[in-house]
């Protein structure tokens, strides 16, 4: 119901203005100018006018730029799969496919170059909050890990393959793993308010179905 409060206020202000006008013009035995109803009518008209300045909240304003719609869809695609795995679901005691880090690194690079951005100021502010935390994660994980082959699988791992021992992790590797996990969690926490802001400010992102997919990393 809260989104209809403004509409109710507009209707109420309009009815109040009409009531004051009726009071002012109400016929009597001998009509004469009365300042009280005239003043009340004037106040009611001014209040009514001010209630009309804001768009009604039940109207969804759809005027997002093509860039914001496209980039908003990319962020939602990341949130539904790539970055959910990279930042939320994965435990870095084990390695992850290198393509996840490549995807995030390319987004960081595009943002630093000004290619990846939102033109809506409010959404861009939330995006920059997320970007700073994503960059911290990418920089640290990239510096403290490397692509390692575990059998037939290549993984980006903090622990080198020839030192991997799930039951006996070296202290310095454990500290690095803890920090990678912490930075990933911080980035994911910043992504959630970004997604909420996109939903409110760029509703056009939902005009088509969104699926998680690789967007920036090269095909293998």
N, C-alpha and C. Protein backbone atom coordinates (compact mmCIF):
# COMPACT_ATOMS: atom_id res chain seq x y z
N UNK A 1 0.81 -1.22 0.00
CA UNK A 1 0.00 0.00 0.00
C UNK A 1 0.84 1.27 0.00
N UNK A 2 2.09 1.19 0.47
CA UNK A 2 2.88 2.41 0.62
C UNK A 2 3.11 3.13 -0.70
N UNK A 3 3.16 2.36 -1.81
CA UNK A 3 3.44 3.02 -3.09
C UNK A 3 2.25 3.83 -3.60
N UNK A 4 1.07 3.69 -2.96
CA UNK A 4 -0.10 4.46 -3.38
C UNK A 4 -0.34 5.69 -2.50
N UNK A 5 0.51 5.91 -1.49
CA UNK A 5 0.28 7.01 -0.57
C UNK A 5 0.26 8.37 -1.30
N UNK A 6 1.14 8.54 -2.28
CA UNK A 6 1.18 9.83 -2.96
C UNK A 6 -0.11 10.08 -3.74
N UNK A 7 -0.63 9.02 -4.37
CA UNK A 7 -1.89 9.17 -5.10
C UNK A 7 -3.02 9.57 -4.17
N UNK A 8 -3.09 8.91 -3.00
CA UNK A 8 -4.12 9.27 -2.02
C UNK A 8 -3.96 10.72 -1.58
N UNK A 9 -2.70 11.16 -1.40
CA UNK A 9 -2.46 12.54 -0.99
C UNK A 9 -2.93 13.52 -2.06
N UNK A 10 -2.70 13.19 -3.32
CA UNK A 10 -3.13 14.07 -4.42
C UNK A 10 -4.65 14.17 -4.47
N UNK A 11 -5.30 13.01 -4.32
CA UNK A 11 -6.77 13.02 -4.35
C UNK A 11 -7.31 13.81 -3.18
N UNK A 12 -6.73 13.59 -2.00
CA UNK A 12 -7.18 14.32 -0.81
C UNK A 12 -6.98 15.81 -0.93
N UNK A 13 -5.82 16.23 -1.47
CA UNK A 13 -5.56 17.66 -1.63
C UNK A 13 -6.54 18.28 -2.61
N UNK A 14 -6.84 17.55 -3.69
CA UNK A 14 -7.79 18.08 -4.66
C UNK A 14 -9.19 18.23 -4.08
N UNK A 15 -9.62 17.23 -3.31
CA UNK A 15 -10.94 17.31 -2.68
C UNK A 15 -11.00 18.44 -1.65
N UNK A 16 -9.90 18.64 -0.92
CA UNK A 16 -9.85 19.72 0.06
C UNK A 16 -9.96 21.08 -0.63
N UNK A 17 -9.28 21.23 -1.77
CA UNK A 17 -9.34 22.50 -2.51
C UNK A 17 -10.77 22.75 -3.00
N UNK A 18 -11.44 21.71 -3.49
CA UNK A 18 -12.82 21.87 -3.96
C UNK A 18 -13.73 22.24 -2.80
N UNK A 19 -13.50 21.62 -1.63
CA UNK A 19 -14.33 21.91 -0.46
C UNK A 19 -14.15 23.37 -0.02
N UNK A 20 -12.93 23.86 -0.05
CA UNK A 20 -12.67 25.26 0.32
C UNK A 20 -13.33 26.22 -0.67
N UNK A 21 -13.31 25.82 -1.97
CA UNK A 21 -13.95 26.67 -2.97
C UNK A 21 -15.47 26.72 -2.74
N UNK A 22 -16.06 25.57 -2.42
CA UNK A 22 -17.50 25.54 -2.13
C UNK A 22 -17.81 26.42 -0.92
N UNK A 23 -16.98 26.32 0.09
CA UNK A 23 -17.19 27.16 1.29
C UNK A 23 -17.12 28.64 0.93
N UNK A 24 -16.12 28.99 0.08
CA UNK A 24 -15.94 30.39 -0.29
C UNK A 24 -17.13 30.91 -1.11
N UNK A 25 -17.67 30.07 -1.99
CA UNK A 25 -18.75 30.51 -2.89
C UNK A 25 -20.14 30.14 -2.38
N UNK A 26 -20.21 29.55 -1.19
CA UNK A 26 -21.52 29.10 -0.69
C UNK A 26 -22.49 30.27 -0.62
N UNK A 27 -23.64 30.11 -1.27
CA UNK A 27 -24.58 31.26 -1.31
C UNK A 27 -25.17 31.57 0.07
N UNK A 28 -25.29 32.84 0.36
CA UNK A 28 -25.93 33.30 1.60
C UNK A 28 -27.02 34.31 1.27
N UNK A 29 -27.55 34.92 2.32
CA UNK A 29 -28.59 35.92 2.09
C UNK A 29 -28.05 37.08 1.27
N UNK A 30 -26.91 37.58 1.61
CA UNK A 30 -26.27 38.68 0.87
C UNK A 30 -24.79 38.36 0.78
N UNK A 31 -24.31 38.03 -0.46
CA UNK A 31 -22.92 37.58 -0.60
C UNK A 31 -21.97 38.71 -0.33
N UNK A 32 -20.91 38.40 0.40
CA UNK A 32 -19.84 39.36 0.61
C UNK A 32 -18.52 38.60 0.73
N UNK A 33 -17.44 39.30 0.42
CA UNK A 33 -16.12 38.67 0.46
C UNK A 33 -15.76 38.29 1.90
N UNK A 34 -15.40 37.03 2.11
CA UNK A 34 -15.00 36.57 3.43
C UNK A 34 -13.55 36.08 3.35
N UNK A 35 -12.63 36.68 4.09
CA UNK A 35 -11.21 36.34 3.96
C UNK A 35 -10.87 34.93 4.42
N UNK A 36 -11.58 34.42 5.44
CA UNK A 36 -11.21 33.11 5.97
C UNK A 36 -11.36 32.00 4.94
N UNK A 37 -12.53 31.82 4.32
CA UNK A 37 -12.64 30.75 3.31
C UNK A 37 -11.76 30.99 2.10
N UNK A 38 -11.55 32.29 1.74
CA UNK A 38 -10.69 32.58 0.59
C UNK A 38 -9.24 32.16 0.89
N UNK A 39 -8.77 32.45 2.10
CA UNK A 39 -7.41 32.06 2.50
C UNK A 39 -7.28 30.54 2.55
N UNK A 40 -8.29 29.86 3.10
CA UNK A 40 -8.26 28.40 3.17
C UNK A 40 -8.23 27.79 1.77
N UNK A 41 -9.01 28.38 0.86
CA UNK A 41 -9.02 27.90 -0.51
C UNK A 41 -7.65 28.08 -1.16
N UNK A 42 -7.01 29.23 -0.94
CA UNK A 42 -5.69 29.48 -1.51
C UNK A 42 -4.65 28.49 -1.02
N UNK A 43 -4.65 28.22 0.29
CA UNK A 43 -3.71 27.25 0.85
C UNK A 43 -3.94 25.86 0.26
N UNK A 44 -5.22 25.47 0.16
CA UNK A 44 -5.54 24.15 -0.38
C UNK A 44 -5.07 24.01 -1.83
N UNK A 45 -5.21 25.07 -2.63
CA UNK A 45 -4.78 25.02 -4.02
C UNK A 45 -3.27 24.88 -4.12
N UNK A 46 -2.53 25.62 -3.27
CA UNK A 46 -1.07 25.53 -3.27
C UNK A 46 -0.61 24.13 -2.89
N UNK A 47 -1.21 23.56 -1.85
CA UNK A 47 -0.85 22.20 -1.43
C UNK A 47 -1.15 21.20 -2.54
N UNK A 48 -2.29 21.36 -3.18
CA UNK A 48 -2.66 20.48 -4.29
C UNK A 48 -1.62 20.56 -5.42
N UNK A 49 -1.21 21.78 -5.74
CA UNK A 49 -0.23 21.96 -6.81
C UNK A 49 1.08 21.26 -6.49
N UNK A 50 1.54 21.36 -5.23
CA UNK A 50 2.81 20.73 -4.87
C UNK A 50 2.73 19.21 -4.90
N UNK A 51 1.56 18.65 -4.63
CA UNK A 51 1.45 17.19 -4.68
C UNK A 51 1.56 16.68 -6.11
N UNK A 52 1.37 17.55 -7.10
CA UNK A 52 1.43 17.12 -8.49
C UNK A 52 2.84 17.18 -9.06
N UNK A 53 3.82 17.69 -8.30
CA UNK A 53 5.16 17.85 -8.84
C UNK A 53 5.91 16.55 -8.99
N UNK A 54 5.58 15.52 -8.23
CA UNK A 54 6.30 14.25 -8.24
C UNK A 54 5.50 13.21 -9.01
N UNK A 55 6.21 12.37 -9.78
CA UNK A 55 5.54 11.31 -10.51
C UNK A 55 4.91 10.33 -9.53
N UNK A 56 3.75 9.85 -9.85
CA UNK A 56 3.08 8.89 -8.99
C UNK A 56 3.93 7.64 -8.85
N UNK A 57 3.99 7.09 -7.64
CA UNK A 57 4.90 5.98 -7.38
C UNK A 57 4.43 4.67 -7.98
N UNK A 58 3.15 4.57 -8.35
CA UNK A 58 2.74 3.32 -8.98
C UNK A 58 3.06 3.31 -10.46
N UNK A 59 3.61 4.41 -11.01
CA UNK A 59 4.05 4.45 -12.39
C UNK A 59 5.52 4.08 -12.44
N UNK A 60 5.89 3.06 -13.20
CA UNK A 60 7.29 2.66 -13.34
C UNK A 60 7.90 3.49 -14.46
N UNK A 61 8.88 4.33 -14.10
CA UNK A 61 9.52 5.21 -15.07
C UNK A 61 10.53 4.40 -15.88
N UNK A 62 10.35 4.33 -17.17
CA UNK A 62 11.19 3.51 -18.03
C UNK A 62 11.86 4.41 -19.06
N UNK A 63 13.04 4.89 -18.70
CA UNK A 63 13.78 5.74 -19.63
C UNK A 63 15.28 5.49 -19.49
N UNK A 64 15.66 4.24 -19.25
CA UNK A 64 17.07 3.90 -19.08
C UNK A 64 17.77 3.90 -20.43
N UNK A 65 19.07 4.20 -20.41
CA UNK A 65 19.84 4.22 -21.65
C UNK A 65 20.12 2.79 -22.10
N UNK A 66 20.35 2.58 -23.40
CA UNK A 66 20.70 1.23 -23.88
C UNK A 66 21.94 0.67 -23.18
N UNK A 67 22.91 1.54 -22.88
CA UNK A 67 24.11 1.07 -22.16
C UNK A 67 23.76 0.53 -20.79
N UNK A 68 22.91 1.24 -20.04
CA UNK A 68 22.56 0.80 -18.69
C UNK A 68 21.75 -0.49 -18.73
N UNK A 69 20.88 -0.63 -19.72
CA UNK A 69 20.10 -1.86 -19.84
C UNK A 69 21.02 -3.05 -20.13
N UNK A 70 21.92 -2.86 -21.08
CA UNK A 70 22.85 -3.94 -21.45
C UNK A 70 23.74 -4.31 -20.27
N UNK A 71 24.35 -3.30 -19.63
CA UNK A 71 25.28 -3.59 -18.54
C UNK A 71 24.54 -4.13 -17.32
N UNK A 72 23.32 -3.63 -17.09
CA UNK A 72 22.52 -4.16 -16.00
C UNK A 72 22.21 -5.64 -16.19
N UNK A 73 21.92 -6.04 -17.41
CA UNK A 73 21.67 -7.45 -17.70
C UNK A 73 22.93 -8.28 -17.47
N UNK A 74 24.08 -7.72 -17.80
CA UNK A 74 25.34 -8.43 -17.56
C UNK A 74 25.57 -8.64 -16.07
N UNK A 75 25.31 -7.63 -15.26
CA UNK A 75 25.50 -7.76 -13.82
C UNK A 75 24.55 -8.81 -13.25
N UNK A 76 23.31 -8.83 -13.71
CA UNK A 76 22.36 -9.84 -13.25
C UNK A 76 22.81 -11.24 -13.69
N UNK A 77 23.35 -11.35 -14.90
CA UNK A 77 23.86 -12.65 -15.37
C UNK A 77 25.01 -13.11 -14.49
N UNK A 78 25.90 -12.19 -14.14
CA UNK A 78 27.01 -12.53 -13.24
C UNK A 78 26.48 -12.98 -11.88
N UNK A 79 25.52 -12.24 -11.36
CA UNK A 79 24.99 -12.54 -10.04
C UNK A 79 24.27 -13.87 -9.96
N UNK A 80 23.71 -14.31 -11.10
CA UNK A 80 22.96 -15.57 -11.11
C UNK A 80 23.86 -16.79 -11.24
N UNK A 81 25.13 -16.58 -11.68
CA UNK A 81 26.00 -17.75 -11.83
C UNK A 81 27.48 -17.43 -11.59
N UNK A 82 28.16 -16.75 -12.56
CA UNK A 82 29.61 -16.59 -12.50
C UNK A 82 30.10 -16.07 -11.16
N UNK A 83 29.60 -14.89 -10.78
CA UNK A 83 30.11 -14.26 -9.57
C UNK A 83 29.51 -14.89 -8.32
N UNK A 84 28.36 -15.51 -8.46
CA UNK A 84 27.83 -16.25 -7.30
C UNK A 84 28.78 -17.38 -6.93
N UNK A 85 29.29 -18.08 -7.93
CA UNK A 85 30.26 -19.16 -7.68
C UNK A 85 31.60 -18.58 -7.24
N UNK A 86 32.07 -17.55 -7.91
CA UNK A 86 33.38 -16.97 -7.64
C UNK A 86 33.45 -16.31 -6.27
N UNK A 87 32.39 -15.60 -5.89
CA UNK A 87 32.45 -14.75 -4.69
C UNK A 87 31.69 -15.31 -3.50
N UNK A 88 30.72 -16.19 -3.72
CA UNK A 88 29.87 -16.63 -2.62
C UNK A 88 30.00 -18.12 -2.30
N UNK A 89 29.85 -18.96 -3.31
CA UNK A 89 29.72 -20.39 -3.05
C UNK A 89 31.05 -21.14 -2.93
N UNK A 90 32.09 -20.62 -3.54
CA UNK A 90 33.34 -21.38 -3.61
C UNK A 90 34.21 -21.16 -2.36
N UNK A 91 34.83 -22.25 -1.89
CA UNK A 91 35.80 -22.21 -0.80
C UNK A 91 37.18 -22.38 -1.42
N UNK A 92 38.06 -21.41 -1.19
CA UNK A 92 39.35 -21.40 -1.88
C UNK A 92 40.40 -22.30 -1.26
N UNK A 93 39.97 -23.20 -0.37
CA UNK A 93 40.87 -24.29 0.00
C UNK A 93 41.11 -25.17 -1.23
N UNK A 94 40.17 -25.12 -2.16
CA UNK A 94 40.32 -25.82 -3.44
C UNK A 94 40.39 -24.80 -4.57
N UNK A 95 40.97 -25.21 -5.67
CA UNK A 95 41.08 -24.31 -6.81
C UNK A 95 39.75 -24.15 -7.54
N UNK A 96 39.72 -23.16 -8.43
CA UNK A 96 38.55 -22.89 -9.25
C UNK A 96 38.99 -22.77 -10.70
N UNK A 97 38.10 -23.01 -11.61
CA UNK A 97 38.46 -22.91 -13.03
C UNK A 97 39.02 -21.51 -13.32
N UNK A 98 40.18 -21.41 -13.99
CA UNK A 98 40.80 -20.11 -14.24
C UNK A 98 39.90 -19.11 -14.98
N UNK A 99 38.93 -19.60 -15.71
CA UNK A 99 38.08 -18.71 -16.49
C UNK A 99 37.26 -17.78 -15.59
N UNK A 100 36.93 -18.23 -14.37
CA UNK A 100 36.19 -17.37 -13.45
C UNK A 100 37.01 -16.13 -13.10
N UNK A 101 38.29 -16.33 -12.82
CA UNK A 101 39.16 -15.19 -12.50
C UNK A 101 39.37 -14.32 -13.73
N UNK A 102 39.51 -14.93 -14.90
CA UNK A 102 39.68 -14.16 -16.14
C UNK A 102 38.47 -13.27 -16.40
N UNK A 103 37.28 -13.80 -16.19
CA UNK A 103 36.05 -13.03 -16.41
C UNK A 103 36.01 -11.81 -15.50
N UNK A 104 36.32 -12.01 -14.22
CA UNK A 104 36.31 -10.90 -13.27
C UNK A 104 37.42 -9.90 -13.58
N UNK A 105 38.59 -10.39 -13.98
CA UNK A 105 39.71 -9.50 -14.30
C UNK A 105 39.40 -8.61 -15.49
N UNK A 106 38.73 -9.17 -16.49
CA UNK A 106 38.38 -8.37 -17.67
C UNK A 106 37.35 -7.30 -17.33
N UNK A 107 36.41 -7.62 -16.44
CA UNK A 107 35.45 -6.60 -16.01
C UNK A 107 36.15 -5.48 -15.25
N UNK A 108 37.10 -5.84 -14.40
CA UNK A 108 37.88 -4.83 -13.67
C UNK A 108 38.63 -3.93 -14.67
N UNK A 109 39.26 -4.53 -15.66
CA UNK A 109 40.01 -3.76 -16.66
C UNK A 109 39.11 -2.81 -17.44
N UNK A 110 37.94 -3.29 -17.86
CA UNK A 110 37.01 -2.44 -18.60
C UNK A 110 36.51 -1.28 -17.74
N UNK A 111 36.32 -1.54 -16.46
CA UNK A 111 35.86 -0.47 -15.56
C UNK A 111 36.95 0.58 -15.38
N UNK A 112 38.17 0.15 -15.22
CA UNK A 112 39.28 1.10 -15.06
C UNK A 112 39.47 1.95 -16.31
N UNK A 113 39.16 1.39 -17.47
CA UNK A 113 39.27 2.15 -18.73
C UNK A 113 38.04 3.01 -19.00
N UNK A 114 36.99 2.86 -18.19
CA UNK A 114 35.77 3.63 -18.39
C UNK A 114 34.82 3.02 -19.40
N UNK A 115 35.10 1.79 -19.83
CA UNK A 115 34.23 1.13 -20.80
C UNK A 115 32.99 0.58 -20.10
N UNK A 116 33.20 -0.11 -18.99
CA UNK A 116 32.09 -0.68 -18.23
C UNK A 116 31.66 0.31 -17.16
N UNK A 117 30.46 0.84 -17.31
CA UNK A 117 29.95 1.82 -16.35
C UNK A 117 28.45 1.99 -16.54
N UNK A 118 27.81 2.57 -15.53
CA UNK A 118 26.39 2.94 -15.62
C UNK A 118 26.29 4.45 -15.79
N UNK A 119 25.36 4.88 -16.63
CA UNK A 119 25.14 6.32 -16.81
C UNK A 119 24.20 6.88 -15.75
N UNK A 120 23.39 6.03 -15.15
CA UNK A 120 22.56 6.44 -14.02
C UNK A 120 23.46 6.64 -12.81
N UNK A 121 23.48 7.86 -12.26
CA UNK A 121 24.40 8.20 -11.18
C UNK A 121 24.23 7.35 -9.93
N UNK A 122 23.01 7.09 -9.56
CA UNK A 122 22.76 6.31 -8.34
C UNK A 122 23.23 4.87 -8.50
N UNK A 123 22.98 4.29 -9.66
CA UNK A 123 23.42 2.92 -9.90
C UNK A 123 24.95 2.87 -10.00
N UNK A 124 25.54 3.87 -10.65
CA UNK A 124 26.99 3.91 -10.80
C UNK A 124 27.69 3.97 -9.45
N UNK A 125 27.12 4.70 -8.51
CA UNK A 125 27.70 4.78 -7.17
C UNK A 125 27.74 3.40 -6.52
N UNK A 126 26.65 2.65 -6.60
CA UNK A 126 26.62 1.29 -6.06
C UNK A 126 27.59 0.39 -6.82
N UNK A 127 27.69 0.61 -8.13
CA UNK A 127 28.60 -0.22 -8.92
C UNK A 127 30.05 0.02 -8.52
N UNK A 128 30.42 1.27 -8.29
CA UNK A 128 31.79 1.57 -7.90
C UNK A 128 32.13 0.99 -6.54
N UNK A 129 31.15 0.97 -5.63
CA UNK A 129 31.36 0.30 -4.34
C UNK A 129 31.68 -1.18 -4.55
N UNK A 130 30.91 -1.82 -5.43
CA UNK A 130 31.15 -3.23 -5.74
C UNK A 130 32.49 -3.40 -6.46
N UNK A 131 32.77 -2.53 -7.42
CA UNK A 131 34.00 -2.63 -8.20
C UNK A 131 35.24 -2.58 -7.32
N UNK A 132 35.27 -1.68 -6.35
CA UNK A 132 36.45 -1.57 -5.48
C UNK A 132 36.71 -2.87 -4.74
N UNK A 133 35.66 -3.51 -4.29
CA UNK A 133 35.82 -4.77 -3.57
C UNK A 133 36.15 -5.92 -4.51
N UNK A 134 35.56 -5.90 -5.70
CA UNK A 134 35.90 -6.93 -6.68
C UNK A 134 37.36 -6.82 -7.10
N UNK A 135 37.82 -5.59 -7.31
CA UNK A 135 39.22 -5.37 -7.70
C UNK A 135 40.17 -5.86 -6.61
N UNK A 136 39.83 -5.58 -5.34
CA UNK A 136 40.68 -6.05 -4.24
C UNK A 136 40.78 -7.58 -4.25
N UNK A 137 39.65 -8.23 -4.50
CA UNK A 137 39.65 -9.70 -4.58
C UNK A 137 40.48 -10.18 -5.75
N UNK A 138 40.25 -9.62 -6.94
CA UNK A 138 40.95 -10.05 -8.15
C UNK A 138 42.46 -9.86 -8.00
N UNK A 139 42.86 -8.69 -7.49
CA UNK A 139 44.29 -8.42 -7.34
C UNK A 139 44.95 -9.39 -6.38
N UNK A 140 44.30 -9.63 -5.24
CA UNK A 140 44.92 -10.50 -4.24
C UNK A 140 44.93 -11.96 -4.71
N UNK A 141 43.80 -12.43 -5.21
CA UNK A 141 43.72 -13.82 -5.66
C UNK A 141 44.67 -14.07 -6.83
N UNK A 142 44.74 -13.10 -7.76
CA UNK A 142 45.64 -13.26 -8.90
C UNK A 142 47.11 -13.31 -8.48
N UNK A 143 47.45 -12.55 -7.43
CA UNK A 143 48.83 -12.50 -6.96
C UNK A 143 49.21 -13.74 -6.15
N UNK A 144 48.26 -14.31 -5.44
CA UNK A 144 48.57 -15.41 -4.52
C UNK A 144 48.06 -16.76 -5.03
N UNK A 145 47.88 -16.89 -6.33
CA UNK A 145 47.46 -18.16 -6.91
C UNK A 145 48.07 -18.31 -8.30
N UNK A 146 47.92 -19.48 -8.86
CA UNK A 146 48.41 -19.72 -10.21
C UNK A 146 47.62 -20.88 -10.82
N UNK A 147 47.58 -20.97 -12.17
CA UNK A 147 46.92 -22.10 -12.80
C UNK A 147 47.72 -23.38 -12.52
N UNK A 148 47.08 -24.38 -11.97
CA UNK A 148 47.75 -25.63 -11.62
C UNK A 148 46.95 -26.80 -12.20
N UNK A 149 47.68 -27.81 -12.65
CA UNK A 149 46.99 -28.98 -13.20
C UNK A 149 46.85 -30.04 -12.11
N UNK A 150 45.59 -30.37 -11.82
CA UNK A 150 45.28 -31.42 -10.87
C UNK A 150 44.71 -32.60 -11.67
N UNK A 151 45.57 -33.56 -11.99
CA UNK A 151 45.16 -34.64 -12.87
C UNK A 151 44.92 -34.10 -14.27
N UNK A 152 43.69 -34.24 -14.75
CA UNK A 152 43.36 -33.76 -16.09
C UNK A 152 42.68 -32.39 -16.05
N UNK A 153 42.56 -31.80 -14.85
CA UNK A 153 41.82 -30.55 -14.69
C UNK A 153 42.77 -29.41 -14.34
N UNK A 154 42.61 -28.28 -15.02
CA UNK A 154 43.38 -27.08 -14.72
C UNK A 154 42.57 -26.19 -13.80
N UNK A 155 43.15 -25.80 -12.65
CA UNK A 155 42.47 -24.96 -11.67
C UNK A 155 43.36 -23.82 -11.24
N UNK A 156 42.73 -22.67 -10.96
CA UNK A 156 43.44 -21.54 -10.36
C UNK A 156 43.48 -21.81 -8.85
N UNK A 157 44.67 -22.07 -8.32
CA UNK A 157 44.77 -22.55 -6.95
C UNK A 157 45.78 -21.77 -6.14
N UNK A 158 45.43 -21.51 -4.88
CA UNK A 158 46.38 -20.88 -3.96
C UNK A 158 47.49 -21.86 -3.61
N UNK A 159 47.15 -23.10 -3.45
CA UNK A 159 48.13 -24.13 -3.09
C UNK A 159 48.65 -24.78 -4.38
N UNK A 160 49.95 -24.77 -4.62
CA UNK A 160 50.50 -25.45 -5.80
C UNK A 160 50.12 -26.93 -5.80
N UNK A 161 49.97 -27.49 -6.98
CA UNK A 161 49.53 -28.89 -7.09
C UNK A 161 50.50 -29.84 -6.41
N UNK A 162 51.81 -29.54 -6.50
CA UNK A 162 52.79 -30.46 -5.91
C UNK A 162 52.91 -30.31 -4.39
N UNK A 163 52.17 -29.33 -3.83
CA UNK A 163 52.18 -29.15 -2.37
C UNK A 163 50.79 -29.39 -1.76
N UNK A 164 49.85 -29.78 -2.60
CA UNK A 164 48.48 -29.89 -2.10
C UNK A 164 48.33 -31.08 -1.17
N UNK A 165 47.84 -30.77 0.02
CA UNK A 165 47.55 -31.79 1.02
C UNK A 165 46.36 -31.28 1.82
N UNK A 166 45.20 -31.81 1.51
CA UNK A 166 43.96 -31.31 2.12
C UNK A 166 43.99 -31.38 3.64
N UNK A 167 44.70 -32.34 4.20
CA UNK A 167 44.72 -32.53 5.65
C UNK A 167 45.85 -31.77 6.32
N UNK A 168 46.75 -31.21 5.55
CA UNK A 168 47.91 -30.55 6.14
C UNK A 168 48.29 -29.33 5.29
N UNK A 169 47.57 -28.23 5.49
CA UNK A 169 47.80 -27.01 4.72
C UNK A 169 48.84 -26.16 5.42
N UNK A 170 49.84 -25.70 4.67
CA UNK A 170 50.89 -24.87 5.25
C UNK A 170 50.30 -23.57 5.80
N UNK A 171 50.84 -23.07 6.94
CA UNK A 171 50.28 -21.86 7.57
C UNK A 171 50.18 -20.66 6.63
N UNK A 172 51.21 -20.42 5.81
CA UNK A 172 51.15 -19.25 4.93
C UNK A 172 50.09 -19.42 3.85
N UNK A 173 49.88 -20.66 3.39
CA UNK A 173 48.81 -20.90 2.43
C UNK A 173 47.44 -20.75 3.09
N UNK A 174 47.32 -21.20 4.34
CA UNK A 174 46.05 -21.07 5.05
C UNK A 174 45.68 -19.60 5.23
N UNK A 175 46.69 -18.76 5.55
CA UNK A 175 46.44 -17.33 5.71
C UNK A 175 45.99 -16.70 4.40
N UNK A 176 46.60 -17.11 3.30
CA UNK A 176 46.22 -16.59 1.98
C UNK A 176 44.81 -17.04 1.61
N UNK A 177 44.49 -18.29 1.89
CA UNK A 177 43.15 -18.80 1.60
C UNK A 177 42.10 -18.05 2.40
N UNK A 178 42.37 -17.81 3.67
CA UNK A 178 41.43 -17.06 4.51
C UNK A 178 41.19 -15.66 3.96
N UNK A 179 42.26 -15.02 3.49
CA UNK A 179 42.11 -13.66 2.96
C UNK A 179 41.34 -13.66 1.65
N UNK A 180 41.60 -14.63 0.79
CA UNK A 180 40.85 -14.73 -0.47
C UNK A 180 39.37 -14.93 -0.18
N UNK A 181 39.06 -15.83 0.74
CA UNK A 181 37.66 -16.07 1.11
C UNK A 181 37.01 -14.81 1.67
N UNK A 182 37.75 -14.08 2.49
CA UNK A 182 37.20 -12.86 3.09
C UNK A 182 36.92 -11.80 2.01
N UNK A 183 37.88 -11.59 1.11
CA UNK A 183 37.70 -10.59 0.06
C UNK A 183 36.55 -10.98 -0.87
N UNK A 184 36.40 -12.26 -1.14
CA UNK A 184 35.29 -12.72 -1.99
C UNK A 184 33.95 -12.42 -1.32
N UNK A 185 33.87 -12.68 -0.02
CA UNK A 185 32.63 -12.41 0.72
C UNK A 185 32.30 -10.93 0.73
N UNK A 186 33.30 -10.08 0.91
CA UNK A 186 33.08 -8.63 0.91
C UNK A 186 32.57 -8.16 -0.45
N UNK A 187 33.13 -8.70 -1.52
CA UNK A 187 32.67 -8.32 -2.87
C UNK A 187 31.23 -8.77 -3.10
N UNK A 188 30.89 -9.97 -2.65
CA UNK A 188 29.52 -10.45 -2.82
C UNK A 188 28.53 -9.59 -2.04
N UNK A 189 28.90 -9.19 -0.83
CA UNK A 189 28.03 -8.33 -0.03
C UNK A 189 27.76 -7.01 -0.74
N UNK A 190 28.76 -6.48 -1.45
CA UNK A 190 28.58 -5.22 -2.18
C UNK A 190 27.78 -5.40 -3.45
N UNK A 191 27.74 -6.62 -3.97
CA UNK A 191 26.98 -6.87 -5.20
C UNK A 191 25.49 -6.88 -4.93
N UNK A 192 25.07 -7.31 -3.77
CA UNK A 192 23.64 -7.42 -3.48
C UNK A 192 22.91 -6.08 -3.52
N UNK A 193 23.42 -5.01 -2.87
CA UNK A 193 22.74 -3.71 -3.00
C UNK A 193 22.81 -3.14 -4.42
N UNK A 194 23.86 -3.50 -5.17
CA UNK A 194 23.94 -3.07 -6.57
C UNK A 194 22.79 -3.68 -7.36
N UNK A 195 22.54 -4.95 -7.19
CA UNK A 195 21.46 -5.63 -7.89
C UNK A 195 20.10 -5.03 -7.51
N UNK A 196 19.93 -4.72 -6.22
CA UNK A 196 18.68 -4.08 -5.77
C UNK A 196 18.49 -2.73 -6.44
N UNK A 197 19.56 -1.94 -6.54
CA UNK A 197 19.47 -0.62 -7.17
C UNK A 197 19.14 -0.74 -8.66
N UNK A 198 19.72 -1.72 -9.33
CA UNK A 198 19.43 -1.93 -10.75
C UNK A 198 17.96 -2.29 -10.94
N UNK A 199 17.42 -3.14 -10.07
CA UNK A 199 16.01 -3.53 -10.17
C UNK A 199 15.10 -2.32 -10.06
N UNK A 200 15.43 -1.37 -9.19
CA UNK A 200 14.58 -0.21 -8.98
C UNK A 200 14.76 0.85 -10.07
N UNK A 201 15.99 1.04 -10.53
CA UNK A 201 16.29 2.15 -11.44
C UNK A 201 16.27 1.74 -12.92
N UNK A 202 16.50 0.47 -13.21
CA UNK A 202 16.58 0.04 -14.61
C UNK A 202 15.67 -1.18 -14.80
N UNK A 203 14.36 -1.00 -14.71
CA UNK A 203 13.45 -2.15 -14.82
C UNK A 203 13.48 -2.83 -16.18
N UNK A 204 14.00 -2.13 -17.19
CA UNK A 204 14.04 -2.71 -18.54
C UNK A 204 14.94 -3.94 -18.63
N UNK A 205 15.81 -4.16 -17.63
CA UNK A 205 16.69 -5.33 -17.70
C UNK A 205 15.88 -6.62 -17.71
N UNK A 206 14.62 -6.57 -17.23
CA UNK A 206 13.81 -7.77 -17.16
C UNK A 206 12.92 -7.95 -18.38
N UNK A 207 13.09 -7.11 -19.40
CA UNK A 207 12.26 -7.25 -20.60
C UNK A 207 12.58 -8.55 -21.35
N UNK A 208 13.76 -9.10 -21.11
CA UNK A 208 14.15 -10.37 -21.70
C UNK A 208 14.68 -11.28 -20.60
N UNK A 209 14.59 -12.58 -20.83
CA UNK A 209 15.07 -13.54 -19.84
C UNK A 209 16.58 -13.41 -19.67
N UNK A 210 17.05 -13.51 -18.43
CA UNK A 210 18.48 -13.38 -18.13
C UNK A 210 19.02 -14.74 -17.71
N UNK A 211 20.12 -15.14 -18.33
CA UNK A 211 20.77 -16.39 -17.97
C UNK A 211 22.24 -16.12 -17.67
N UNK A 212 22.77 -16.83 -16.67
CA UNK A 212 24.18 -16.73 -16.37
C UNK A 212 25.01 -17.28 -17.53
N UNK A 213 26.07 -16.57 -17.90
CA UNK A 213 26.89 -17.01 -19.02
C UNK A 213 28.25 -16.31 -18.97
N UNK A 214 29.18 -16.82 -19.77
CA UNK A 214 30.45 -16.13 -19.94
C UNK A 214 30.22 -14.94 -20.86
N UNK A 215 30.71 -13.77 -20.48
CA UNK A 215 30.47 -12.56 -21.25
C UNK A 215 31.76 -11.98 -21.83
N UNK A 216 32.82 -11.96 -21.03
CA UNK A 216 34.06 -11.29 -21.44
C UNK A 216 35.22 -12.24 -21.70
N UNK A 217 35.27 -13.37 -21.06
CA UNK A 217 36.39 -14.26 -21.23
C UNK A 217 36.29 -15.01 -22.56
N UNK A 218 37.42 -15.29 -23.19
CA UNK A 218 37.39 -15.94 -24.51
C UNK A 218 36.90 -17.37 -24.43
N UNK A 219 36.30 -17.81 -25.53
CA UNK A 219 35.84 -19.19 -25.62
C UNK A 219 37.04 -20.13 -25.62
N UNK A 220 36.85 -21.30 -25.05
CA UNK A 220 37.93 -22.27 -24.99
C UNK A 220 37.73 -23.38 -26.01
